[in-house]
PDB file of N, CA and C in Angstrom:
ATOM      1  N   MET A   1      61.012   9.357 -55.661  1.00  0.00           N
ATOM      2  CA  MET A   1      59.904  10.041 -56.281  1.00  0.00           C
ATOM      3  C   MET A   1      59.073   9.026 -57.061  1.00  0.00           C
ATOM      4  N   LEU A   2      57.770   9.084 -56.886  1.00  0.00           N
ATOM      5  CA  LEU A   2      56.839   8.280 -57.688  1.00  0.00           C
ATOM      6  C   LEU A   2      56.557   9.029 -58.970  1.00  0.00           C
ATOM      7  N   LYS A   3      56.763   8.365 -60.091  1.00  0.00           N
ATOM      8  CA  LYS A   3      56.502   8.970 -61.398  1.00  0.00           C
ATOM      9  C   LYS A   3      55.370   8.202 -62.064  1.00  0.00           C
ATOM     10  N   ILE A   4      54.313   8.934 -62.391  1.00  0.00           N
ATOM     11  CA  ILE A   4      53.144   8.350 -63.037  1.00  0.00           C
ATOM     12  C   ILE A   4      53.044   8.969 -64.417  1.00  0.00           C
ATOM     13  N   THR A   5      53.003   8.132 -65.432  1.00  0.00           N
ATOM     14  CA  THR A   5      52.877   8.602 -66.809  1.00  0.00           C
ATOM     15  C   THR A   5      51.557   8.087 -67.362  1.00  0.00           C
ATOM     16  N   VAL A   6      50.766   9.005 -67.905  1.00  0.00           N
ATOM     17  CA  VAL A   6      49.477   8.656 -68.504  1.00  0.00           C
ATOM     18  C   VAL A   6      49.561   9.002 -69.988  1.00  0.00           C
ATOM     19  N   ASP A   7      49.303   8.006 -70.823  1.00  0.00           N
ATOM     20  CA  ASP A   7      49.390   8.179 -72.277  1.00  0.00           C
ATOM     21  C   ASP A   7      48.007   8.366 -72.884  1.00  0.00           C
ATOM     22  N   TYR A   8      47.943   9.325 -73.793  1.00  0.00           N
ATOM     23  CA  TYR A   8      46.714   9.611 -74.532  1.00  0.00           C
ATOM     24  C   TYR A   8      46.931   9.374 -76.016  1.00  0.00           C
ATOM     25  N   ALA A   9      45.889   8.944 -76.689  1.00  0.00           N
ATOM     26  CA  ALA A   9      45.805   8.955 -78.154  1.00  0.00           C
ATOM     27  C   ALA A   9      44.569   9.795 -78.441  1.00  0.00           C
ATOM     28  N   GLY A  10      44.781  10.986 -78.949  1.00  0.00           N
ATOM     29  CA  GLY A  10      43.657  11.908 -79.114  1.00  0.00           C
ATOM     30  C   GLY A  10      43.141  12.306 -77.743  1.00  0.00           C
ATOM     31  N   THR A  11      41.845  12.084 -77.512  1.00  0.00           N
ATOM     32  CA  THR A  11      41.249  12.440 -76.219  1.00  0.00           C
ATOM     33  C   THR A  11      41.124  11.246 -75.279  1.00  0.00           C
ATOM     34  N   ASN A  12      41.610  10.083 -75.703  1.00  0.00           N
ATOM     35  CA  ASN A  12      41.461   8.858 -74.909  1.00  0.00           C
ATOM     36  C   ASN A  12      42.741   8.455 -74.208  1.00  0.00           C
ATOM     37  N   ILE A  13      42.616   8.113 -72.932  1.00  0.00           N
ATOM     38  CA  ILE A  13      43.727   7.522 -72.198  1.00  0.00           C
ATOM     39  C   ILE A  13      43.896   6.094 -72.720  1.00  0.00           C
ATOM     40  N   THR A  14      45.125   5.742 -73.071  1.00  0.00           N
ATOM     41  CA  THR A  14      45.390   4.406 -73.618  1.00  0.00           C
ATOM     42  C   THR A  14      46.229   3.537 -72.690  1.00  0.00           C
ATOM     43  N   SER A  15      46.999   4.172 -71.800  1.00  0.00           N
ATOM     44  CA  SER A  15      47.842   3.396 -70.886  1.00  0.00           C
ATOM     45  C   SER A  15      48.319   4.288 -69.754  1.00  0.00           C
ATOM     46  N   PHE A  16      48.848   3.640 -68.719  1.00  0.00           N
ATOM     47  CA  PHE A  16      49.512   4.381 -67.646  1.00  0.00           C
ATOM     48  C   PHE A  16      50.578   3.501 -67.020  1.00  0.00           C
ATOM     49  N   GLN A  17      51.579   4.165 -66.445  1.00  0.00           N
ATOM     50  CA  GLN A  17      52.684   3.489 -65.777  1.00  0.00           C
ATOM     51  C   GLN A  17      52.967   4.200 -64.459  1.00  0.00           C
ATOM     52  N   VAL A  18      53.288   3.427 -63.443  1.00  0.00           N
ATOM     53  CA  VAL A  18      53.716   3.956 -62.150  1.00  0.00           C
ATOM     54  C   VAL A  18      55.076   3.346 -61.863  1.00  0.00           C
ATOM     55  N   VAL A  19      56.057   4.212 -61.604  1.00  0.00           N
ATOM     56  CA  VAL A  19      57.431   3.754 -61.406  1.00  0.00           C
ATOM     57  C   VAL A  19      58.031   4.466 -60.202  1.00  0.00           C
ATOM     58  N   GLY A  20      58.750   3.723 -59.393  1.00  0.00           N
ATOM     59  CA  GLY A  20      59.515   4.314 -58.311  1.00  0.00           C
ATOM     60  C   GLY A  20      58.830   4.233 -56.969  1.00  0.00           C
ATOM     61  N   HIS A  21      59.413   4.945 -56.013  1.00  0.00           N
ATOM     62  CA  HIS A  21      58.876   5.035 -54.653  1.00  0.00           C
ATOM     63  C   HIS A  21      58.884   6.494 -54.237  1.00  0.00           C
ATOM     64  N   ALA A  22      57.886   6.888 -53.494  1.00  0.00           N
ATOM     65  CA  ALA A  22      57.751   8.293 -53.097  1.00  0.00           C
ATOM     66  C   ALA A  22      58.845   8.711 -52.118  1.00  0.00           C
ATOM     67  N   GLU A  23      59.267   7.791 -51.257  1.00  0.00           N
ATOM     68  CA  GLU A  23      60.255   8.077 -50.212  1.00  0.00           C
ATOM     69  C   GLU A  23      59.764   9.137 -49.239  1.00  0.00           C
ATOM     70  N   TYR A  24      58.454   9.185 -49.047  1.00  0.00           N
ATOM     71  CA  TYR A  24      57.837  10.068 -48.056  1.00  0.00           C
ATOM     72  C   TYR A  24      58.090   9.543 -46.650  1.00  0.00           C
ATOM     73  N   ALA A  25      58.110   8.219 -46.530  1.00  0.00           N
ATOM     74  CA  ALA A  25      58.322   7.541 -45.248  1.00  0.00           C
ATOM     75  C   ALA A  25      58.984   6.193 -45.548  1.00  0.00           C
ATOM     76  N   PRO A  26      59.416   5.472 -44.522  1.00  0.00           N
ATOM     77  CA  PRO A  26      60.027   4.159 -44.753  1.00  0.00           C
ATOM     78  C   PRO A  26      59.081   3.220 -45.518  1.00  0.00           C
ATOM     79  N   LEU A  27      59.679   2.316 -46.272  1.00  0.00           N
ATOM     80  CA  LEU A  27      58.925   1.325 -47.026  1.00  0.00           C
ATOM     81  C   LEU A  27      57.942   0.619 -46.105  1.00  0.00           C
ATOM     82  N   GLY A  28      56.707   0.504 -46.528  1.00  0.00           N
ATOM     83  CA  GLY A  28      55.669  -0.115 -45.720  1.00  0.00           C
ATOM     84  C   GLY A  28      54.890   0.861 -44.870  1.00  0.00           C
ATOM     85  N   GLU A  29      55.391   2.095 -44.758  1.00  0.00           N
ATOM     86  CA  GLU A  29      54.716   3.132 -43.970  1.00  0.00           C
ATOM     87  C   GLU A  29      54.419   4.378 -44.805  1.00  0.00           C
ATOM     88  N   ASP A  30      54.693   4.309 -46.076  1.00  0.00           N
ATOM     89  CA  ASP A  30      54.624   5.476 -46.954  1.00  0.00           C
ATOM     90  C   ASP A  30      53.201   5.698 -47.455  1.00  0.00           C
ATOM     91  N   ILE A  31      52.550   6.774 -46.956  1.00  0.00           N
ATOM     92  CA  ILE A  31      51.164   7.043 -47.350  1.00  0.00           C
ATOM     93  C   ILE A  31      51.051   7.471 -48.811  1.00  0.00           C
ATOM     94  N   CYS A  32      52.091   8.050 -49.357  1.00  0.00           N
ATOM     95  CA  CYS A  32      52.057   8.427 -50.779  1.00  0.00           C
ATOM     96  C   CYS A  32      52.027   7.181 -51.652  1.00  0.00           C
ATOM     97  N   CYS A  33      52.916   6.246 -51.379  1.00  0.00           N
ATOM     98  CA  CYS A  33      52.934   4.993 -52.149  1.00  0.00           C
ATOM     99  C   CYS A  33      51.625   4.227 -51.962  1.00  0.00           C
ATOM    100  N   ALA A  34      51.134   4.189 -50.733  1.00  0.00           N
ATOM    101  CA  ALA A  34      49.894   3.466 -50.463  1.00  0.00           C
ATOM    102  C   ALA A  34      48.717   4.107 -51.197  1.00  0.00           C
ATOM    103  N   GLY A  35      48.648   5.425 -51.186  1.00  0.00           N
ATOM    104  CA  GLY A  35      47.550   6.115 -51.854  1.00  0.00           C
ATOM    105  C   GLY A  35      47.576   5.907 -53.361  1.00  0.00           C
ATOM    106  N   VAL A  36      48.745   6.061 -53.964  1.00  0.00           N
ATOM    107  CA  VAL A  36      48.874   5.861 -55.410  1.00  0.00           C
ATOM    108  C   VAL A  36      48.573   4.408 -55.769  1.00  0.00           C
ATOM    109  N   SER A  37      49.056   3.470 -54.975  1.00  0.00           N
ATOM    110  CA  SER A  37      48.769   2.057 -55.224  1.00  0.00           C
ATOM    111  C   SER A  37      47.278   1.779 -55.149  1.00  0.00           C
ATOM    112  N   ALA A  38      46.619   2.326 -54.156  1.00  0.00           N
ATOM    113  CA  ALA A  38      45.180   2.096 -54.004  1.00  0.00           C
ATOM    114  C   ALA A  38      44.411   2.651 -55.204  1.00  0.00           C
ATOM    115  N   ILE A  39      44.749   3.849 -55.635  1.00  0.00           N
ATOM    116  CA  ILE A  39      44.044   4.463 -56.759  1.00  0.00           C
ATOM    117  C   ILE A  39      44.293   3.686 -58.050  1.00  0.00           C
ATOM    118  N   THR A  40      45.548   3.377 -58.344  1.00  0.00           N
ATOM    119  CA  THR A  40      45.863   2.739 -59.625  1.00  0.00           C
ATOM    120  C   THR A  40      45.431   1.277 -59.667  1.00  0.00           C
ATOM    121  N   GLN A  41      45.574   0.560 -58.565  1.00  0.00           N
ATOM    122  CA  GLN A  41      45.149  -0.832 -58.562  1.00  0.00           C
ATOM    123  C   GLN A  41      43.625  -0.953 -58.578  1.00  0.00           C
ATOM    124  N   THR A  42      42.928  -0.002 -57.978  1.00  0.00           N
ATOM    125  CA  THR A  42      41.466   0.008 -58.067  1.00  0.00           C
ATOM    126  C   THR A  42      41.033   0.272 -59.503  1.00  0.00           C
ATOM    127  N   ALA A  43      41.729   1.167 -60.187  1.00  0.00           N
ATOM    128  CA  ALA A  43      41.420   1.410 -61.601  1.00  0.00           C
ATOM    129  C   ALA A  43      41.640   0.131 -62.412  1.00  0.00           C
ATOM    130  N   LEU A  44      42.736  -0.560 -62.173  1.00  0.00           N
ATOM    131  CA  LEU A  44      42.995  -1.816 -62.877  1.00  0.00           C
ATOM    132  C   LEU A  44      41.893  -2.843 -62.593  1.00  0.00           C
ATOM    133  N   ILE A  45      41.491  -2.973 -61.345  1.00  0.00           N
ATOM    134  CA  ILE A  45      40.413  -3.898 -60.992  1.00  0.00           C
ATOM    135  C   ILE A  45      39.129  -3.519 -61.725  1.00  0.00           C
ATOM    136  N   GLY A  46      38.833  -2.220 -61.798  1.00  0.00           N
ATOM    137  CA  GLY A  46      37.657  -1.762 -62.531  1.00  0.00           C
ATOM    138  C   GLY A  46      37.720  -2.148 -64.000  1.00  0.00           C
ATOM    139  N   LEU A  47      38.874  -1.951 -64.616  1.00  0.00           N
ATOM    140  CA  LEU A  47      39.039  -2.325 -66.028  1.00  0.00           C
ATOM    141  C   LEU A  47      38.879  -3.828 -66.222  1.00  0.00           C
ATOM    142  N   LEU A  48      39.495  -4.615 -65.338  1.00  0.00           N
ATOM    143  CA  LEU A  48      39.419  -6.073 -65.453  1.00  0.00           C
ATOM    144  C   LEU A  48      37.991  -6.591 -65.262  1.00  0.00           C
ATOM    145  N   ASN A  49      37.227  -5.924 -64.419  1.00  0.00           N
ATOM    146  CA  ASN A  49      35.882  -6.389 -64.116  1.00  0.00           C
ATOM    147  C   ASN A  49      34.799  -5.850 -65.033  1.00  0.00           C
ATOM    148  N   HIS A  50      35.070  -4.759 -65.748  1.00  0.00           N
ATOM    149  CA  HIS A  50      34.003  -4.123 -66.520  1.00  0.00           C
ATOM    150  C   HIS A  50      34.223  -4.097 -68.024  1.00  0.00           C
ATOM    151  N   LEU A  51      35.383  -4.495 -68.490  1.00  0.00           N
ATOM    152  CA  LEU A  51      35.632  -4.502 -69.936  1.00  0.00           C
ATOM    153  C   LEU A  51      35.608  -5.928 -70.463  1.00  0.00           C
ATOM    154  N   GLU A  52      35.057  -6.095 -71.640  1.00  0.00           N
ATOM    155  CA  GLU A  52      35.076  -7.424 -72.255  1.00  0.00           C
ATOM    156  C   GLU A  52      36.480  -7.789 -72.720  1.00  0.00           C
ATOM    157  N   GLU A  53      37.211  -6.803 -73.261  1.00  0.00           N
ATOM    158  CA  GLU A  53      38.597  -7.017 -73.714  1.00  0.00           C
ATOM    159  C   GLU A  53      39.522  -6.501 -72.616  1.00  0.00           C
ATOM    160  N   GLU A  54      40.125  -7.415 -71.863  1.00  0.00           N
ATOM    161  CA  GLU A  54      40.943  -7.029 -70.726  1.00  0.00           C
ATOM    162  C   GLU A  54      42.195  -6.267 -71.156  1.00  0.00           C
ATOM    163  N   PRO A  55      42.632  -5.329 -70.332  1.00  0.00           N
ATOM    164  CA  PRO A  55      43.895  -4.646 -70.623  1.00  0.00           C
ATOM    165  C   PRO A  55      45.068  -5.568 -70.347  1.00  0.00           C
ATOM    166  N   SER A  56      46.202  -5.246 -70.936  1.00  0.00           N
ATOM    167  CA  SER A  56      47.429  -5.944 -70.552  1.00  0.00           C
ATOM    168  C   SER A  56      48.037  -5.163 -69.389  1.00  0.00           C
ATOM    169  N   TYR A  57      48.669  -5.881 -68.473  1.00  0.00           N
ATOM    170  CA  TYR A  57      49.246  -5.191 -67.318  1.00  0.00           C
ATOM    171  C   TYR A  57      50.393  -6.005 -66.746  1.00  0.00           C
ATOM    172  N   SER A  58      51.251  -5.295 -66.026  1.00  0.00           N
ATOM    173  CA  SER A  58      52.311  -5.969 -65.280  1.00  0.00           C
ATOM    174  C   SER A  58      52.524  -5.230 -63.969  1.00  0.00           C
ATOM    175  N   ILE A  59      52.772  -6.000 -62.934  1.00  0.00           N
ATOM    176  CA  ILE A  59      53.068  -5.465 -61.606  1.00  0.00           C
ATOM    177  C   ILE A  59      54.372  -6.110 -61.175  1.00  0.00           C
ATOM    178  N   ASP A  60      55.367  -5.281 -60.856  1.00  0.00           N
ATOM    179  CA  ASP A  60      56.674  -5.819 -60.492  1.00  0.00           C
ATOM    180  C   ASP A  60      57.361  -4.889 -59.507  1.00  0.00           C
ATOM    181  N   LYS A  61      57.574  -5.355 -58.298  1.00  0.00           N
ATOM    182  CA  LYS A  61      58.311  -4.608 -57.277  1.00  0.00           C
ATOM    183  C   LYS A  61      57.807  -3.177 -57.128  1.00  0.00           C
ATOM    184  N   GLY A  62      56.510  -3.017 -57.017  1.00  0.00           N
ATOM    185  CA  GLY A  62      55.932  -1.694 -56.805  1.00  0.00           C
ATOM    186  C   GLY A  62      55.653  -0.915 -58.064  1.00  0.00           C
ATOM    187  N   ASN A  63      56.127  -1.384 -59.201  1.00  0.00           N
ATOM    188  CA  ASN A  63      55.847  -0.714 -60.473  1.00  0.00           C
ATOM    189  C   ASN A  63      54.610  -1.340 -61.108  1.00  0.00           C
ATOM    190  N   LEU A  64      53.814  -0.505 -61.779  1.00  0.00           N
ATOM    191  CA  LEU A  64      52.595  -0.974 -62.424  1.00  0.00           C
ATOM    192  C   LEU A  64      52.513  -0.372 -63.813  1.00  0.00           C
ATOM    193  N   SER A  65      52.166  -1.197 -64.781  1.00  0.00           N
ATOM    194  CA  SER A  65      51.993  -0.743 -66.155  1.00  0.00           C
ATOM    195  C   SER A  65      50.694  -1.355 -66.675  1.00  0.00           C
ATOM    196  N   VAL A  66      49.820  -0.512 -67.250  1.00  0.00           N
ATOM    197  CA  VAL A  66      48.531  -0.970 -67.770  1.00  0.00           C
ATOM    198  C   VAL A  66      48.327  -0.365 -69.152  1.00  0.00           C
ATOM    199  N   SER A  67      47.918  -1.194 -70.113  1.00  0.00           N
ATOM    200  CA  SER A  67      47.623  -0.732 -71.475  1.00  0.00           C
ATOM    201  C   SER A  67      46.289  -1.311 -71.922  1.00  0.00           C
ATOM    202  N   LEU A  68      45.444  -0.438 -72.453  1.00  0.00           N
ATOM    203  CA  LEU A  68      44.168  -0.896 -72.990  1.00  0.00           C
ATOM    204  C   LEU A  68      44.396  -1.637 -74.293  1.00  0.00           C
ATOM    205  N   ALA A  69      43.513  -2.577 -74.593  1.00  0.00           N
ATOM    206  CA  ALA A  69      43.555  -3.277 -75.869  1.00  0.00           C
ATOM    207  C   ALA A  69      43.253  -2.280 -76.987  1.00  0.00           C
ATOM    208  N   ASP A  70      43.826  -2.516 -78.160  1.00  0.00           N
ATOM    209  CA  ASP A  70      43.620  -1.621 -79.306  1.00  0.00           C
ATOM    210  C   ASP A  70      42.223  -1.716 -79.896  1.00  0.00           C
ATOM    211  N   ASN A  71      41.565  -2.843 -79.686  1.00  0.00           N
ATOM    212  CA  ASN A  71      40.299  -3.098 -80.366  1.00  0.00           C
ATOM    213  C   ASN A  71      39.083  -2.993 -79.443  1.00  0.00           C
ATOM    214  N   LEU A  72      39.068  -2.032 -78.528  1.00  0.00           N
ATOM    215  CA  LEU A  72      37.937  -1.889 -77.621  1.00  0.00           C
ATOM    216  C   LEU A  72      36.687  -1.459 -78.376  1.00  0.00           C
ATOM    217  N   SER A  73      35.568  -2.011 -77.971  1.00  0.00           N
ATOM    218  CA  SER A  73      34.287  -1.541 -78.506  1.00  0.00           C
ATOM    219  C   SER A  73      34.034  -0.130 -77.984  1.00  0.00           C
ATOM    220  N   GLN A  74      33.113   0.554 -78.585  1.00  0.00           N
ATOM    221  CA  GLN A  74      32.787   1.911 -78.134  1.00  0.00           C
ATOM    222  C   GLN A  74      32.317   1.892 -76.682  1.00  0.00           C
ATOM    223  N   THR A  75      31.502   0.899 -76.338  1.00  0.00           N
ATOM    224  CA  THR A  75      30.999   0.790 -74.964  1.00  0.00           C
ATOM    225  C   THR A  75      32.143   0.549 -73.986  1.00  0.00           C
ATOM    226  N   ASP A  76      33.043  -0.383 -74.315  1.00  0.00           N
ATOM    227  CA  ASP A  76      34.184  -0.642 -73.440  1.00  0.00           C
ATOM    228  C   ASP A  76      35.098   0.575 -73.343  1.00  0.00           C
ATOM    229  N   ASN A  77      35.310   1.285 -74.444  1.00  0.00           N
ATOM    230  CA  ASN A  77      36.148   2.474 -74.404  1.00  0.00           C
ATOM    231  C   ASN A  77      35.531   3.531 -73.498  1.00  0.00           C
ATOM    232  N   GLU A  78      34.221   3.715 -73.579  1.00  0.00           N
ATOM    233  CA  GLU A  78      33.558   4.696 -72.709  1.00  0.00           C
ATOM    234  C   GLU A  78      33.736   4.312 -71.238  1.00  0.00           C
ATOM    235  N   LYS A  79      33.556   3.037 -70.925  1.00  0.00           N
ATOM    236  CA  LYS A  79      33.762   2.569 -69.547  1.00  0.00           C
ATOM    237  C   LYS A  79      35.203   2.812 -69.103  1.00  0.00           C
ATOM    238  N   ALA A  80      36.143   2.458 -69.971  1.00  0.00           N
ATOM    239  CA  ALA A  80      37.563   2.624 -69.647  1.00  0.00           C
ATOM    240  C   ALA A  80      37.904   4.087 -69.392  1.00  0.00           C
ATOM    241  N   GLN A  81      37.372   4.980 -70.213  1.00  0.00           N
ATOM    242  CA  GLN A  81      37.689   6.397 -70.053  1.00  0.00           C
ATOM    243  C   GLN A  81      37.128   6.956 -68.749  1.00  0.00           C
ATOM    244  N   ILE A  82      35.955   6.489 -68.347  1.00  0.00           N
ATOM    245  CA  ILE A  82      35.394   6.923 -67.062  1.00  0.00           C
ATOM    246  C   ILE A  82      36.289   6.461 -65.917  1.00  0.00           C
ATOM    247  N   ILE A  83      36.683   5.199 -65.951  1.00  0.00           N
ATOM    248  CA  ILE A  83      37.547   4.650 -64.901  1.00  0.00           C
ATOM    249  C   ILE A  83      38.896   5.369 -64.877  1.00  0.00           C
ATOM    250  N   LEU A  84      39.516   5.517 -66.047  1.00  0.00           N
ATOM    251  CA  LEU A  84      40.868   6.085 -66.097  1.00  0.00           C
ATOM    252  C   LEU A  84      40.889   7.587 -65.848  1.00  0.00           C
ATOM    253  N   SER A  85      39.881   8.303 -66.294  1.00  0.00           N
ATOM    254  CA  SER A  85      39.865   9.751 -66.023  1.00  0.00           C
ATOM    255  C   SER A  85      39.618  10.016 -64.543  1.00  0.00           C
ATOM    256  N   THR A  86      38.825   9.169 -63.903  1.00  0.00           N
ATOM    257  CA  THR A  86      38.628   9.295 -62.456  1.00  0.00           C
ATOM    258  C   THR A  86      39.928   8.990 -61.723  1.00  0.00           C
ATOM    259  N   MET A  87      40.626   7.944 -62.157  1.00  0.00           N
ATOM    260  CA  MET A  87      41.930   7.613 -61.591  1.00  0.00           C
ATOM    261  C   MET A  87      42.871   8.806 -61.707  1.00  0.00           C
ATOM    262  N   LEU A  88      42.928   9.394 -62.899  1.00  0.00           N
ATOM    263  CA  LEU A  88      43.836  10.512 -63.139  1.00  0.00           C
ATOM    264  C   LEU A  88      43.517  11.699 -62.229  1.00  0.00           C
ATOM    265  N   LYS A  89      42.251  12.015 -62.034  1.00  0.00           N
ATOM    266  CA  LYS A  89      41.877  13.118 -61.134  1.00  0.00           C
ATOM    267  C   LYS A  89      42.375  12.842 -59.719  1.00  0.00           C
ATOM    268  N   GLY A  90      42.222  11.607 -59.250  1.00  0.00           N
ATOM    269  CA  GLY A  90      42.715  11.255 -57.924  1.00  0.00           C
ATOM    270  C   GLY A  90      44.222  11.377 -57.813  1.00  0.00           C
ATOM    271  N   LEU A  91      44.932  10.922 -58.845  1.00  0.00           N
ATOM    272  CA  LEU A  91      46.395  11.013 -58.843  1.00  0.00           C
ATOM    273  C   LEU A  91      46.864  12.464 -58.906  1.00  0.00           C
ATOM    274  N   GLU A  92      46.208  13.275 -59.711  1.00  0.00           N
ATOM    275  CA  GLU A  92      46.578  14.694 -59.794  1.00  0.00           C
ATOM    276  C   GLU A  92      46.343  15.398 -58.465  1.00  0.00           C
ATOM    277  N   SER A  93      45.283  15.035 -57.776  1.00  0.00           N
ATOM    278  CA  SER A  93      45.017  15.609 -56.458  1.00  0.00           C
ATOM    279  C   SER A  93      46.107  15.217 -55.470  1.00  0.00           C
ATOM    280  N   MET A  94      46.513  13.957 -55.489  1.00  0.00           N
ATOM    281  CA  MET A  94      47.601  13.529 -54.612  1.00  0.00           C
ATOM    282  C   MET A  94      48.907  14.236 -54.959  1.00  0.00           C
ATOM    283  N   ALA A  95      49.192  14.359 -56.264  1.00  0.00           N
ATOM    284  CA  ALA A  95      50.430  15.011 -56.699  1.00  0.00           C
ATOM    285  C   ALA A  95      50.451  16.477 -56.288  1.00  0.00           C
ATOM    286  N   GLU A  96      49.303  17.101 -56.266  1.00  0.00           N
ATOM    287  CA  GLU A  96      49.223  18.499 -55.824  1.00  0.00           C
ATOM    288  C   GLU A  96      49.526  18.613 -54.330  1.00  0.00           C
ATOM    289  N   SER A  97      49.017  17.678 -53.558  1.00  0.00           N
ATOM    290  CA  SER A  97      49.225  17.703 -52.103  1.00  0.00           C
ATOM    291  C   SER A  97      50.631  17.252 -51.701  1.00  0.00           C
ATOM    292  N   TYR A  98      51.245  16.388 -52.506  1.00  0.00           N
ATOM    293  CA  TYR A  98      52.563  15.824 -52.183  1.00  0.00           C
ATOM    294  C   TYR A  98      53.520  16.035 -53.350  1.00  0.00           C
ATOM    295  N   ALA A  99      53.646  17.273 -53.780  1.00  0.00           N
ATOM    296  CA  ALA A  99      54.393  17.615 -54.994  1.00  0.00           C
ATOM    297  C   ALA A  99      55.869  17.204 -54.936  1.00  0.00           C
ATOM    298  N   ASP A 100      56.441  17.105 -53.765  1.00  0.00           N
ATOM    299  CA  ASP A 100      57.849  16.709 -53.655  1.00  0.00           C
ATOM    300  C   ASP A 100      58.048  15.196 -53.785  1.00  0.00           C
ATOM    301  N   PHE A 101      56.947  14.445 -53.810  1.00  0.00           N
ATOM    302  CA  PHE A 101      57.051  12.987 -53.764  1.00  0.00           C
ATOM    303  C   PHE A 101      56.348  12.279 -54.922  1.00  0.00           C
ATOM    304  N   ILE A 102      55.393  12.962 -55.584  1.00  0.00           N
ATOM    305  CA  ILE A 102      54.602  12.352 -56.652  1.00  0.00           C
ATOM    306  C   ILE A 102      54.553  13.312 -57.835  1.00  0.00           C
ATOM    307  N   LYS A 103      54.863  12.814 -59.026  1.00  0.00           N
ATOM    308  CA  LYS A 103      54.758  13.610 -60.257  1.00  0.00           C
ATOM    309  C   LYS A 103      53.900  12.845 -61.260  1.00  0.00           C
ATOM    310  N   VAL A 104      52.990  13.562 -61.912  1.00  0.00           N
ATOM    311  CA  VAL A 104      52.153  12.983 -62.963  1.00  0.00           C
ATOM    312  C   VAL A 104      52.554  13.627 -64.271  1.00  0.00           C
ATOM    313  N   PHE A 105      52.854  12.792 -65.244  1.00  0.00           N
ATOM    314  CA  PHE A 105      53.233  13.252 -66.574  1.00  0.00           C
ATOM    315  C   PHE A 105      52.180  12.782 -67.577  1.00  0.00           C
ATOM    316  N   ILE A 106      51.800  13.671 -68.476  1.00  0.00           N
ATOM    317  CA  ILE A 106      50.834  13.348 -69.524  1.00  0.00           C
ATOM    318  C   ILE A 106      51.586  13.315 -70.842  1.00  0.00           C
ATOM    319  N   ARG A 107      51.429  12.215 -71.581  1.00  0.00           N
ATOM    320  CA  ARG A 107      52.017  12.107 -72.924  1.00  0.00           C
ATOM    321  C   ARG A 107      50.882  11.983 -73.926  1.00  0.00           C
ATOM    322  N   ARG A 108      50.921  12.847 -74.934  1.00  0.00           N
ATOM    323  CA  ARG A 108      49.897  12.818 -75.971  1.00  0.00           C
ATOM    324  C   ARG A 108      50.521  12.398 -77.299  1.00  0.00           C
ATOM    325  N   CYS A 109      49.897  11.431 -77.942  1.00  0.00           N
ATOM    326  CA  CYS A 109      50.396  10.937 -79.232  1.00  0.00           C
ATOM    327  C   CYS A 109      49.604  11.565 -80.359  1.00  0.00           C
TER     328      CYS A 109
END
């Protein structure tokens, strides 16, 4: 099962983590893993290319963790929220279609 956790502080997404494998199909053929990877890595690329203060991130054996910097300007925060909320909508849509293989968890601080 792919587990995606999205963290909020107030109304702002501050980080997200992707852990595990969907096990929808054999490794390398799994459309669930490929779809989630495409959505989350595109979001990371967007953050890296459009924010002045880059997020911290780690990618390890299919797991991805991304955290926004604490000191984002208002403009960078607005950009980040657009990118991350769009990412979340895509992930929620995938989780709805593949509920046995993908779960999205929201944590609010």
